[in-house]
C-alpha atoms as a PDB file:
ATOM      1  CA  MET A   1      88.860  24.587  -5.711  1.00  0.00           C
ATOM      2  CA  ARG A   2      89.612  25.535  -2.134  1.00  0.00           C
ATOM      3  CA  LEU A   3      90.965  28.898  -3.285  1.00  0.00           C
ATOM      4  CA  ALA A   4      87.737  29.586  -5.166  1.00  0.00           C
ATOM      5  CA  ARG A   5      85.632  28.759  -2.108  1.00  0.00           C
ATOM      6  CA  SER A   6      87.767  31.050   0.045  1.00  0.00           C
ATOM      7  CA  LEU A   7      87.333  33.872  -2.431  1.00  0.00           C
ATOM      8  CA  VAL A   8      83.553  33.372  -2.386  1.00  0.00           C
ATOM      9  CA  VAL A   9      83.472  33.541   1.437  1.00  0.00           C
ATOM     10  CA  ILE A  10      85.620  36.689   1.486  1.00  0.00           C
ATOM     11  CA  LEU A  11      83.505  38.410  -1.173  1.00  0.00           C
ATOM     12  CA  ALA A  12      80.294  37.523   0.713  1.00  0.00           C
ATOM     13  CA  ALA A  13      81.705  38.975   3.936  1.00  0.00           C
ATOM     14  CA  LEU A  14      82.736  42.166   2.152  1.00  0.00           C
ATOM     15  CA  ALA A  15      79.303  42.493   0.578  1.00  0.00           C
ATOM     16  CA  THR A  16      77.577  42.057   3.938  1.00  0.00           C
ATOM     17  CA  SER A  17      79.866  44.619   5.553  1.00  0.00           C
ATOM     18  CA  GLY A  18      79.221  47.049   2.742  1.00  0.00           C
ATOM     19  CA  CYS A  19      75.449  46.698   3.149  1.00  0.00           C
ATOM     20  CA  MET A  20      75.740  47.506   6.831  1.00  0.00           C
ATOM     21  CA  THR A  21      77.958  50.571   6.433  1.00  0.00           C
ATOM     22  CA  THR A  22      76.796  52.097   3.159  1.00  0.00           C
ATOM     23  CA  PRO A  23      75.513  55.601   3.906  1.00  0.00           C
ATOM     24  CA  ARG A  24      72.007  56.655   2.907  1.00  0.00           C
ATOM     25  CA  LEU A  25      72.213  58.156  -0.593  1.00  0.00           C
ATOM     26  CA  PHE A  26      68.563  58.660  -1.466  1.00  0.00           C
ATOM     27  CA  GLY A  27      65.542  60.266   0.160  1.00  0.00           C
ATOM     28  CA  PRO A  28      65.162  63.663   1.883  1.00  0.00           C
ATOM     29  CA  PRO A  29      67.761  64.658   4.472  1.00  0.00           C
ATOM     30  CA  ALA A  30      66.857  64.410   8.154  1.00  0.00           C
ATOM     31  CA  PRO A  31      65.184  67.634   9.385  1.00  0.00           C
ATOM     32  CA  PRO A  32      67.275  69.890  11.629  1.00  0.00           C
ATOM     33  CA  PRO A  33      66.331  70.080  15.327  1.00  0.00           C
ATOM     34  CA  PRO A  34      63.699  72.760  16.079  1.00  0.00           C
ATOM     35  CA  PRO A  35      64.931  76.084  17.466  1.00  0.00           C
ATOM     36  CA  PRO A  36      64.331  76.787  21.158  1.00  0.00           C
ATOM     37  CA  SER A  37      60.992  78.387  21.993  1.00  0.00           C
ATOM     38  CA  VAL A  38      60.607  81.862  23.462  1.00  0.00           C
ATOM     39  CA  ASP A  39      59.559  80.329  26.785  1.00  0.00           C
ATOM     40  CA  ALA A  40      62.689  78.178  26.799  1.00  0.00           C
ATOM     41  CA  VAL A  41      64.902  81.227  26.256  1.00  0.00           C
ATOM     42  CA  VAL A  42      63.076  83.665  28.556  1.00  0.00           C
ATOM     43  CA  TYR A  43      61.773  81.421  31.318  1.00  0.00           C
ATOM     44  CA  GLY A  44      64.133  78.466  31.172  1.00  0.00           C
ATOM     45  CA  GLY A  45      61.348  76.043  30.342  1.00  0.00           C
ATOM     46  CA  PRO A  46      61.309  73.089  27.958  1.00  0.00           C
ATOM     47  CA  GLY A  47      61.575  73.680  24.230  1.00  0.00           C
ATOM     48  CA  PRO A  48      59.090  72.443  21.590  1.00  0.00           C
ATOM     49  CA  GLY A  49      58.611  68.717  21.534  1.00  0.00           C
ATOM     50  CA  VAL A  50      60.677  68.242  24.691  1.00  0.00           C
ATOM     51  CA  VAL A  51      58.925  66.615  27.634  1.00  0.00           C
ATOM     52  CA  PRO A  52      61.460  66.263  30.426  1.00  0.00           C
ATOM     53  CA  GLY A  53      60.813  63.792  33.195  1.00  0.00           C
ATOM     54  CA  PRO A  54      60.247  65.167  36.704  1.00  0.00           C
ATOM     55  CA  SER A  55      63.075  65.380  39.170  1.00  0.00           C
ATOM     56  CA  PRO A  56      62.985  62.910  42.087  1.00  0.00           C
ATOM     57  CA  ALA A  57      61.721  65.670  44.418  1.00  0.00           C
ATOM     58  CA  VAL A  58      58.926  66.645  42.025  1.00  0.00           C
ATOM     59  CA  ALA A  59      58.005  62.994  41.446  1.00  0.00           C
ATOM     60  CA  ALA A  60      57.718  62.440  45.206  1.00  0.00           C
ATOM     61  CA  ALA A  61      55.526  65.516  45.537  1.00  0.00           C
ATOM     62  CA  LEU A  62      53.302  64.327  42.720  1.00  0.00           C
ATOM     63  CA  VAL A  63      52.848  60.963  44.419  1.00  0.00           C
ATOM     64  CA  LYS A  64      51.787  62.736  47.602  1.00  0.00           C
ATOM     65  CA  ALA A  65      49.520  65.118  45.712  1.00  0.00           C
ATOM     66  CA  ASP A  66      47.822  62.214  43.928  1.00  0.00           C
ATOM     67  CA  ASP A  67      47.083  60.361  47.157  1.00  0.00           C
ATOM     68  CA  PRO A  68      43.401  60.303  48.147  1.00  0.00           C
ATOM     69  CA  ASP A  69      42.579  63.410  50.151  1.00  0.00           C
ATOM     70  CA  PRO A  70      42.429  62.757  53.892  1.00  0.00           C
ATOM     71  CA  PRO A  71      39.351  64.004  55.762  1.00  0.00           C
ATOM     72  CA  TYR A  72      39.371  67.782  56.096  1.00  0.00           C
ATOM     73  CA  THR A  73      40.415  68.923  59.568  1.00  0.00           C
ATOM     74  CA  LEU A  74      39.228  72.197  61.038  1.00  0.00           C
ATOM     75  CA  ASP A  75      41.368  75.133  62.089  1.00  0.00           C
ATOM     76  CA  SER A  76      41.266  78.846  62.843  1.00  0.00           C
ATOM     77  CA  GLY A  77      39.470  80.827  60.150  1.00  0.00           C
ATOM     78  CA  ASP A  78      36.883  78.173  59.274  1.00  0.00           C
ATOM     79  CA  ARG A  79      33.225  79.107  59.719  1.00  0.00           C
ATOM     80  CA  LEU A  80      30.946  76.216  60.652  1.00  0.00           C
ATOM     81  CA  ARG A  81      27.227  75.690  60.323  1.00  0.00           C
ATOM     82  CA  VAL A  82      26.096  73.746  63.402  1.00  0.00           C
ATOM     83  CA  VAL A  83      22.571  72.343  63.310  1.00  0.00           C
ATOM     84  CA  VAL A  84      21.008  70.950  66.499  1.00  0.00           C
ATOM     85  CA  TYR A  85      17.711  69.508  65.314  1.00  0.00           C
ATOM     86  CA  GLY A  86      14.715  70.990  67.095  1.00  0.00           C
ATOM     87  CA  GLN A  87      16.856  73.602  68.895  1.00  0.00           C
ATOM     88  CA  ASP A  88      16.746  76.918  67.047  1.00  0.00           C
ATOM     89  CA  GLY A  89      18.614  78.662  69.852  1.00  0.00           C
ATOM     90  CA  LEU A  90      21.648  76.419  69.327  1.00  0.00           C
ATOM     91  CA  THR A  91      21.567  76.156  65.541  1.00  0.00           C
ATOM     92  CA  ASN A  92      23.843  78.848  64.127  1.00  0.00           C
ATOM     93  CA  THR A  93      27.069  79.651  62.268  1.00  0.00           C
ATOM     94  CA  TYR A  94      30.179  79.641  64.459  1.00  0.00           C
ATOM     95  CA  ALA A  95      33.717  80.759  63.650  1.00  0.00           C
ATOM     96  CA  VAL A  96      36.744  78.771  64.751  1.00  0.00           C
ATOM     97  CA  ASP A  97      38.711  81.362  66.722  1.00  0.00           C
ATOM     98  CA  ALA A  98      42.470  81.870  67.039  1.00  0.00           C
ATOM     99  CA  SER A  99      42.616  79.295  69.831  1.00  0.00           C
ATOM    100  CA  GLY A 100      40.984  76.685  67.578  1.00  0.00           C
ATOM    101  CA  ARG A 101      37.632  76.608  69.385  1.00  0.00           C
ATOM    102  CA  ILE A 102      34.001  77.521  68.754  1.00  0.00           C
ATOM    103  CA  THR A 103      31.791  78.940  71.486  1.00  0.00           C
ATOM    104  CA  MET A 104      28.156  77.815  71.736  1.00  0.00           C
ATOM    105  CA  PRO A 105      25.309  78.600  74.140  1.00  0.00           C
ATOM    106  CA  LEU A 106      24.960  76.261  77.137  1.00  0.00           C
ATOM    107  CA  ILE A 107      28.161  74.283  76.549  1.00  0.00           C
ATOM    108  CA  GLY A 108      30.639  77.138  76.036  1.00  0.00           C
ATOM    109  CA  ALA A 109      33.960  76.654  74.216  1.00  0.00           C
ATOM    110  CA  VAL A 110      34.394  73.446  72.219  1.00  0.00           C
ATOM    111  CA  PRO A 111      37.818  72.519  70.743  1.00  0.00           C
ATOM    112  CA  ALA A 112      37.561  72.209  66.952  1.00  0.00           C
ATOM    113  CA  ARG A 113      41.155  72.421  65.699  1.00  0.00           C
ATOM    114  CA  GLY A 114      42.393  69.171  64.164  1.00  0.00           C
ATOM    115  CA  ARG A 115      38.932  67.579  64.231  1.00  0.00           C
ATOM    116  CA  THR A 116      36.753  66.620  61.292  1.00  0.00           C
ATOM    117  CA  THR A 117      33.178  67.879  61.117  1.00  0.00           C
ATOM    118  CA  ALA A 118      31.958  64.391  62.075  1.00  0.00           C
ATOM    119  CA  ASP A 119      34.245  64.357  65.135  1.00  0.00           C
ATOM    120  CA  LEU A 120      33.046  67.793  66.213  1.00  0.00           C
ATOM    121  CA  SER A 121      29.377  66.868  65.847  1.00  0.00           C
ATOM    122  CA  ARG A 122      29.917  63.902  68.197  1.00  0.00           C
ATOM    123  CA  VAL A 123      31.705  66.098  70.763  1.00  0.00           C
ATOM    124  CA  ILE A 124      28.914  68.695  70.698  1.00  0.00           C
ATOM    125  CA  ALA A 125      26.248  65.993  71.048  1.00  0.00           C
ATOM    126  CA  ALA A 126      28.087  64.492  74.038  1.00  0.00           C
ATOM    127  CA  ARG A 127      28.315  67.913  75.720  1.00  0.00           C
ATOM    128  CA  LEU A 128      24.609  68.587  75.172  1.00  0.00           C
ATOM    129  CA  ARG A 129      23.684  65.125  76.416  1.00  0.00           C
ATOM    130  CA  ASP A 130      25.487  65.851  79.670  1.00  0.00           C
ATOM    131  CA  GLY A 131      22.656  67.623  81.486  1.00  0.00           C
ATOM    132  CA  TYR A 132      21.012  69.653  78.709  1.00  0.00           C
ATOM    133  CA  LEU A 133      19.264  67.513  76.076  1.00  0.00           C
ATOM    134  CA  ARG A 134      18.172  63.901  76.254  1.00  0.00           C
ATOM    135  CA  GLU A 135      18.940  62.763  72.689  1.00  0.00           C
ATOM    136  CA  PRO A 136      20.556  65.617  70.760  1.00  0.00           C
ATOM    137  CA  HIS A 137      21.031  65.197  67.015  1.00  0.00           C
ATOM    138  CA  VAL A 138      23.852  67.386  65.745  1.00  0.00           C
ATOM    139  CA  ALA A 139      25.202  68.020  62.248  1.00  0.00           C
ATOM    140  CA  VAL A 140      28.242  70.155  61.431  1.00  0.00           C
ATOM    141  CA  GLU A 141      29.368  71.364  58.016  1.00  0.00           C
ATOM    142  CA  VAL A 142      31.877  73.923  56.794  1.00  0.00           C
ATOM    143  CA  ASP A 143      30.094  77.126  55.801  1.00  0.00           C
ATOM    144  CA  THR A 144      33.240  79.045  54.733  1.00  0.00           C
ATOM    145  CA  TYR A 145      36.722  77.567  54.481  1.00  0.00           C
ATOM    146  CA  ARG A 146      39.722  79.373  55.910  1.00  0.00           C
ATOM    147  CA  PRO A 147      41.703  81.407  53.349  1.00  0.00           C
ATOM    148  CA  PHE A 148      44.842  80.451  51.474  1.00  0.00           C
ATOM    149  CA  PHE A 149      48.004  82.522  51.083  1.00  0.00           C
ATOM    150  CA  ILE A 150      50.186  83.153  48.043  1.00  0.00           C
ATOM    151  CA  LEU A 151      53.668  84.651  48.126  1.00  0.00           C
ATOM    152  CA  GLY A 152      56.517  85.437  45.766  1.00  0.00           C
ATOM    153  CA  GLU A 153      56.415  86.277  42.072  1.00  0.00           C
ATOM    154  CA  VAL A 154      52.724  87.097  41.579  1.00  0.00           C
ATOM    155  CA  SER A 155      51.188  90.500  40.926  1.00  0.00           C
ATOM    156  CA  PHE A 156      49.285  90.762  44.209  1.00  0.00           C
ATOM    157  CA  PRO A 157      50.604  88.413  46.911  1.00  0.00           C
ATOM    158  CA  GLY A 158      48.511  88.042  50.036  1.00  0.00           C
ATOM    159  CA  GLN A 159      45.552  86.232  51.595  1.00  0.00           C
ATOM    160  CA  TYR A 160      42.523  85.207  49.531  1.00  0.00           C
ATOM    161  CA  PRO A 161      39.265  83.316  50.115  1.00  0.00           C
ATOM    162  CA  PHE A 162      39.484  79.640  49.274  1.00  0.00           C
ATOM    163  CA  VAL A 163      37.595  78.426  46.193  1.00  0.00           C
ATOM    164  CA  ALA A 164      36.486  74.811  45.791  1.00  0.00           C
ATOM    165  CA  HIS A 165      38.644  72.578  43.541  1.00  0.00           C
ATOM    166  CA  MET A 166      41.525  75.041  43.539  1.00  0.00           C
ATOM    167  CA  THR A 167      44.905  74.369  41.974  1.00  0.00           C
ATOM    168  CA  ALA A 168      48.091  76.405  42.228  1.00  0.00           C
ATOM    169  CA  GLU A 169      47.308  77.773  38.770  1.00  0.00           C
ATOM    170  CA  THR A 170      43.934  79.029  40.050  1.00  0.00           C
ATOM    171  CA  ALA A 171      45.663  80.631  43.025  1.00  0.00           C
ATOM    172  CA  VAL A 172      48.080  82.467  40.712  1.00  0.00           C
ATOM    173  CA  ALA A 173      45.177  83.727  38.590  1.00  0.00           C
ATOM    174  CA  ILE A 174      43.340  85.004  41.686  1.00  0.00           C
ATOM    175  CA  ALA A 175      46.520  86.849  42.718  1.00  0.00           C
ATOM    176  CA  GLY A 176      46.754  88.669  39.380  1.00  0.00           C
ATOM    177  CA  GLY A 177      49.010  86.293  37.459  1.00  0.00           C
ATOM    178  CA  PHE A 178      52.757  85.757  37.307  1.00  0.00           C
ATOM    179  CA  THR A 179      55.255  88.592  37.362  1.00  0.00           C
ATOM    180  CA  PRO A 180      57.705  88.772  34.416  1.00  0.00           C
ATOM    181  CA  ARG A 181      60.427  87.211  36.577  1.00  0.00           C
ATOM    182  CA  ALA A 182      58.369  84.285  37.870  1.00  0.00           C
ATOM    183  CA  TYR A 183      59.459  80.693  37.340  1.00  0.00           C
ATOM    184  CA  ARG A 184      56.271  79.255  35.867  1.00  0.00           C
ATOM    185  CA  TYR A 185      56.952  75.540  35.812  1.00  0.00           C
ATOM    186  CA  GLU A 186      57.066  74.602  39.510  1.00  0.00           C
ATOM    187  CA  VAL A 187      55.432  75.835  42.715  1.00  0.00           C
ATOM    188  CA  GLU A 188      55.980  75.140  46.398  1.00  0.00           C
ATOM    189  CA  ILE A 189      53.038  74.566  48.726  1.00  0.00           C
ATOM    190  CA  THR A 190      53.321  74.601  52.512  1.00  0.00           C
ATOM    191  CA  ARG A 191      50.394  72.700  53.997  1.00  0.00           C
ATOM    192  CA  PRO A 192      49.505  72.705  57.713  1.00  0.00           C
ATOM    193  CA  THR A 193      48.711  69.273  59.142  1.00  0.00           C
ATOM    194  CA  PRO A 194      48.064  68.015  62.686  1.00  0.00           C
ATOM    195  CA  GLN A 195      51.620  66.603  62.631  1.00  0.00           C
ATOM    196  CA  GLY A 196      53.155  69.907  61.498  1.00  0.00           C
ATOM    197  CA  PRO A 197      53.635  71.761  58.202  1.00  0.00           C
ATOM    198  CA  VAL A 198      54.436  69.740  55.077  1.00  0.00           C
ATOM    199  CA  ARG A 199      56.174  71.184  52.001  1.00  0.00           C
ATOM    200  CA  LEU A 200      55.345  69.949  48.520  1.00  0.00           C
ATOM    201  CA  LYS A 201      56.844  70.911  45.166  1.00  0.00           C
ATOM    202  CA  GLY A 202      55.266  70.234  41.813  1.00  0.00           C
ATOM    203  CA  PRO A 203      53.612  71.686  38.694  1.00  0.00           C
ATOM    204  CA  THR A 204      50.928  74.362  38.708  1.00  0.00           C
ATOM    205  CA  MET A 205      48.100  71.810  38.518  1.00  0.00           C
ATOM    206  CA  MET A 206      48.817  70.695  42.100  1.00  0.00           C
ATOM    207  CA  PRO A 207      45.702  70.990  44.308  1.00  0.00           C
ATOM    208  CA  VAL A 208      45.490  73.756  46.904  1.00  0.00           C
ATOM    209  CA  ARG A 209      43.637  73.265  50.186  1.00  0.00           C
ATOM    210  CA  PRO A 210      42.347  75.752  52.762  1.00  0.00           C
ATOM    211  CA  GLY A 211      45.166  77.215  54.836  1.00  0.00           C
ATOM    212  CA  ASP A 212      47.854  76.389  52.256  1.00  0.00           C
ATOM    213  CA  THR A 213      50.644  78.831  51.454  1.00  0.00           C
ATOM    214  CA  VAL A 214      51.617  78.856  47.773  1.00  0.00           C
ATOM    215  CA  ALA A 215      55.087  80.214  46.926  1.00  0.00           C
ATOM    216  CA  ILE A 216      56.135  81.227  43.407  1.00  0.00           C
ATOM    217  CA  SER A 217      59.900  81.461  43.022  1.00  0.00           C
ATOM    218  CA  GLU A 218      61.954  83.799  40.843  1.00  0.00           C
ATOM    219  CA  ARG A 219      63.736  82.513  37.760  1.00  0.00           C
ATOM    220  CA  TRP A 220      67.478  83.070  37.729  1.00  0.00           C
ATOM    221  CA  PHE A 221      67.981  83.855  34.025  1.00  0.00           C
END
């Protein structure tokens, strides 16, 4: 009796093991992996159906790029529309010069670099209040943003007027597109800030701001 029970246990174990290891005998075979795409061969990019995760450096850049935009600060190359209400002789368009200042009648040179338009309007109002106007009302807005720059593997590198809502992809299109040797999957942007230039790396949908320098690198194979 005990021998029979032992045989039953052994046969059950063998049956269970066989169910777990029996290869698949029916149904269509698994499809082969897709061949690499032309872009993957020529440009070193991802193949079809492959979505690689970003490198730590790219991920950090994307976090920075997704942060809410800080207030725009003025610099050389910006053109500003300054309105002093009721004072046609002071209302005009002024360029921020190489020293980072604008020059207005009565009050002369006013530092603009690193300031927001709201900051600059308060400074101008304070200057006018000091011996010229009793209660000046001043508004400042950007009439024309300073240009951006694009370097590296594009057809026509150089300086171009800034366009609202620009991305690196837009910048490449403005510069005539990629060259055949361009690496198309990552760009580097150098952005001037009051604390010094900041370098960001990321995909071509990264936003571009006035004064940015966009660099397109060369692929190595």
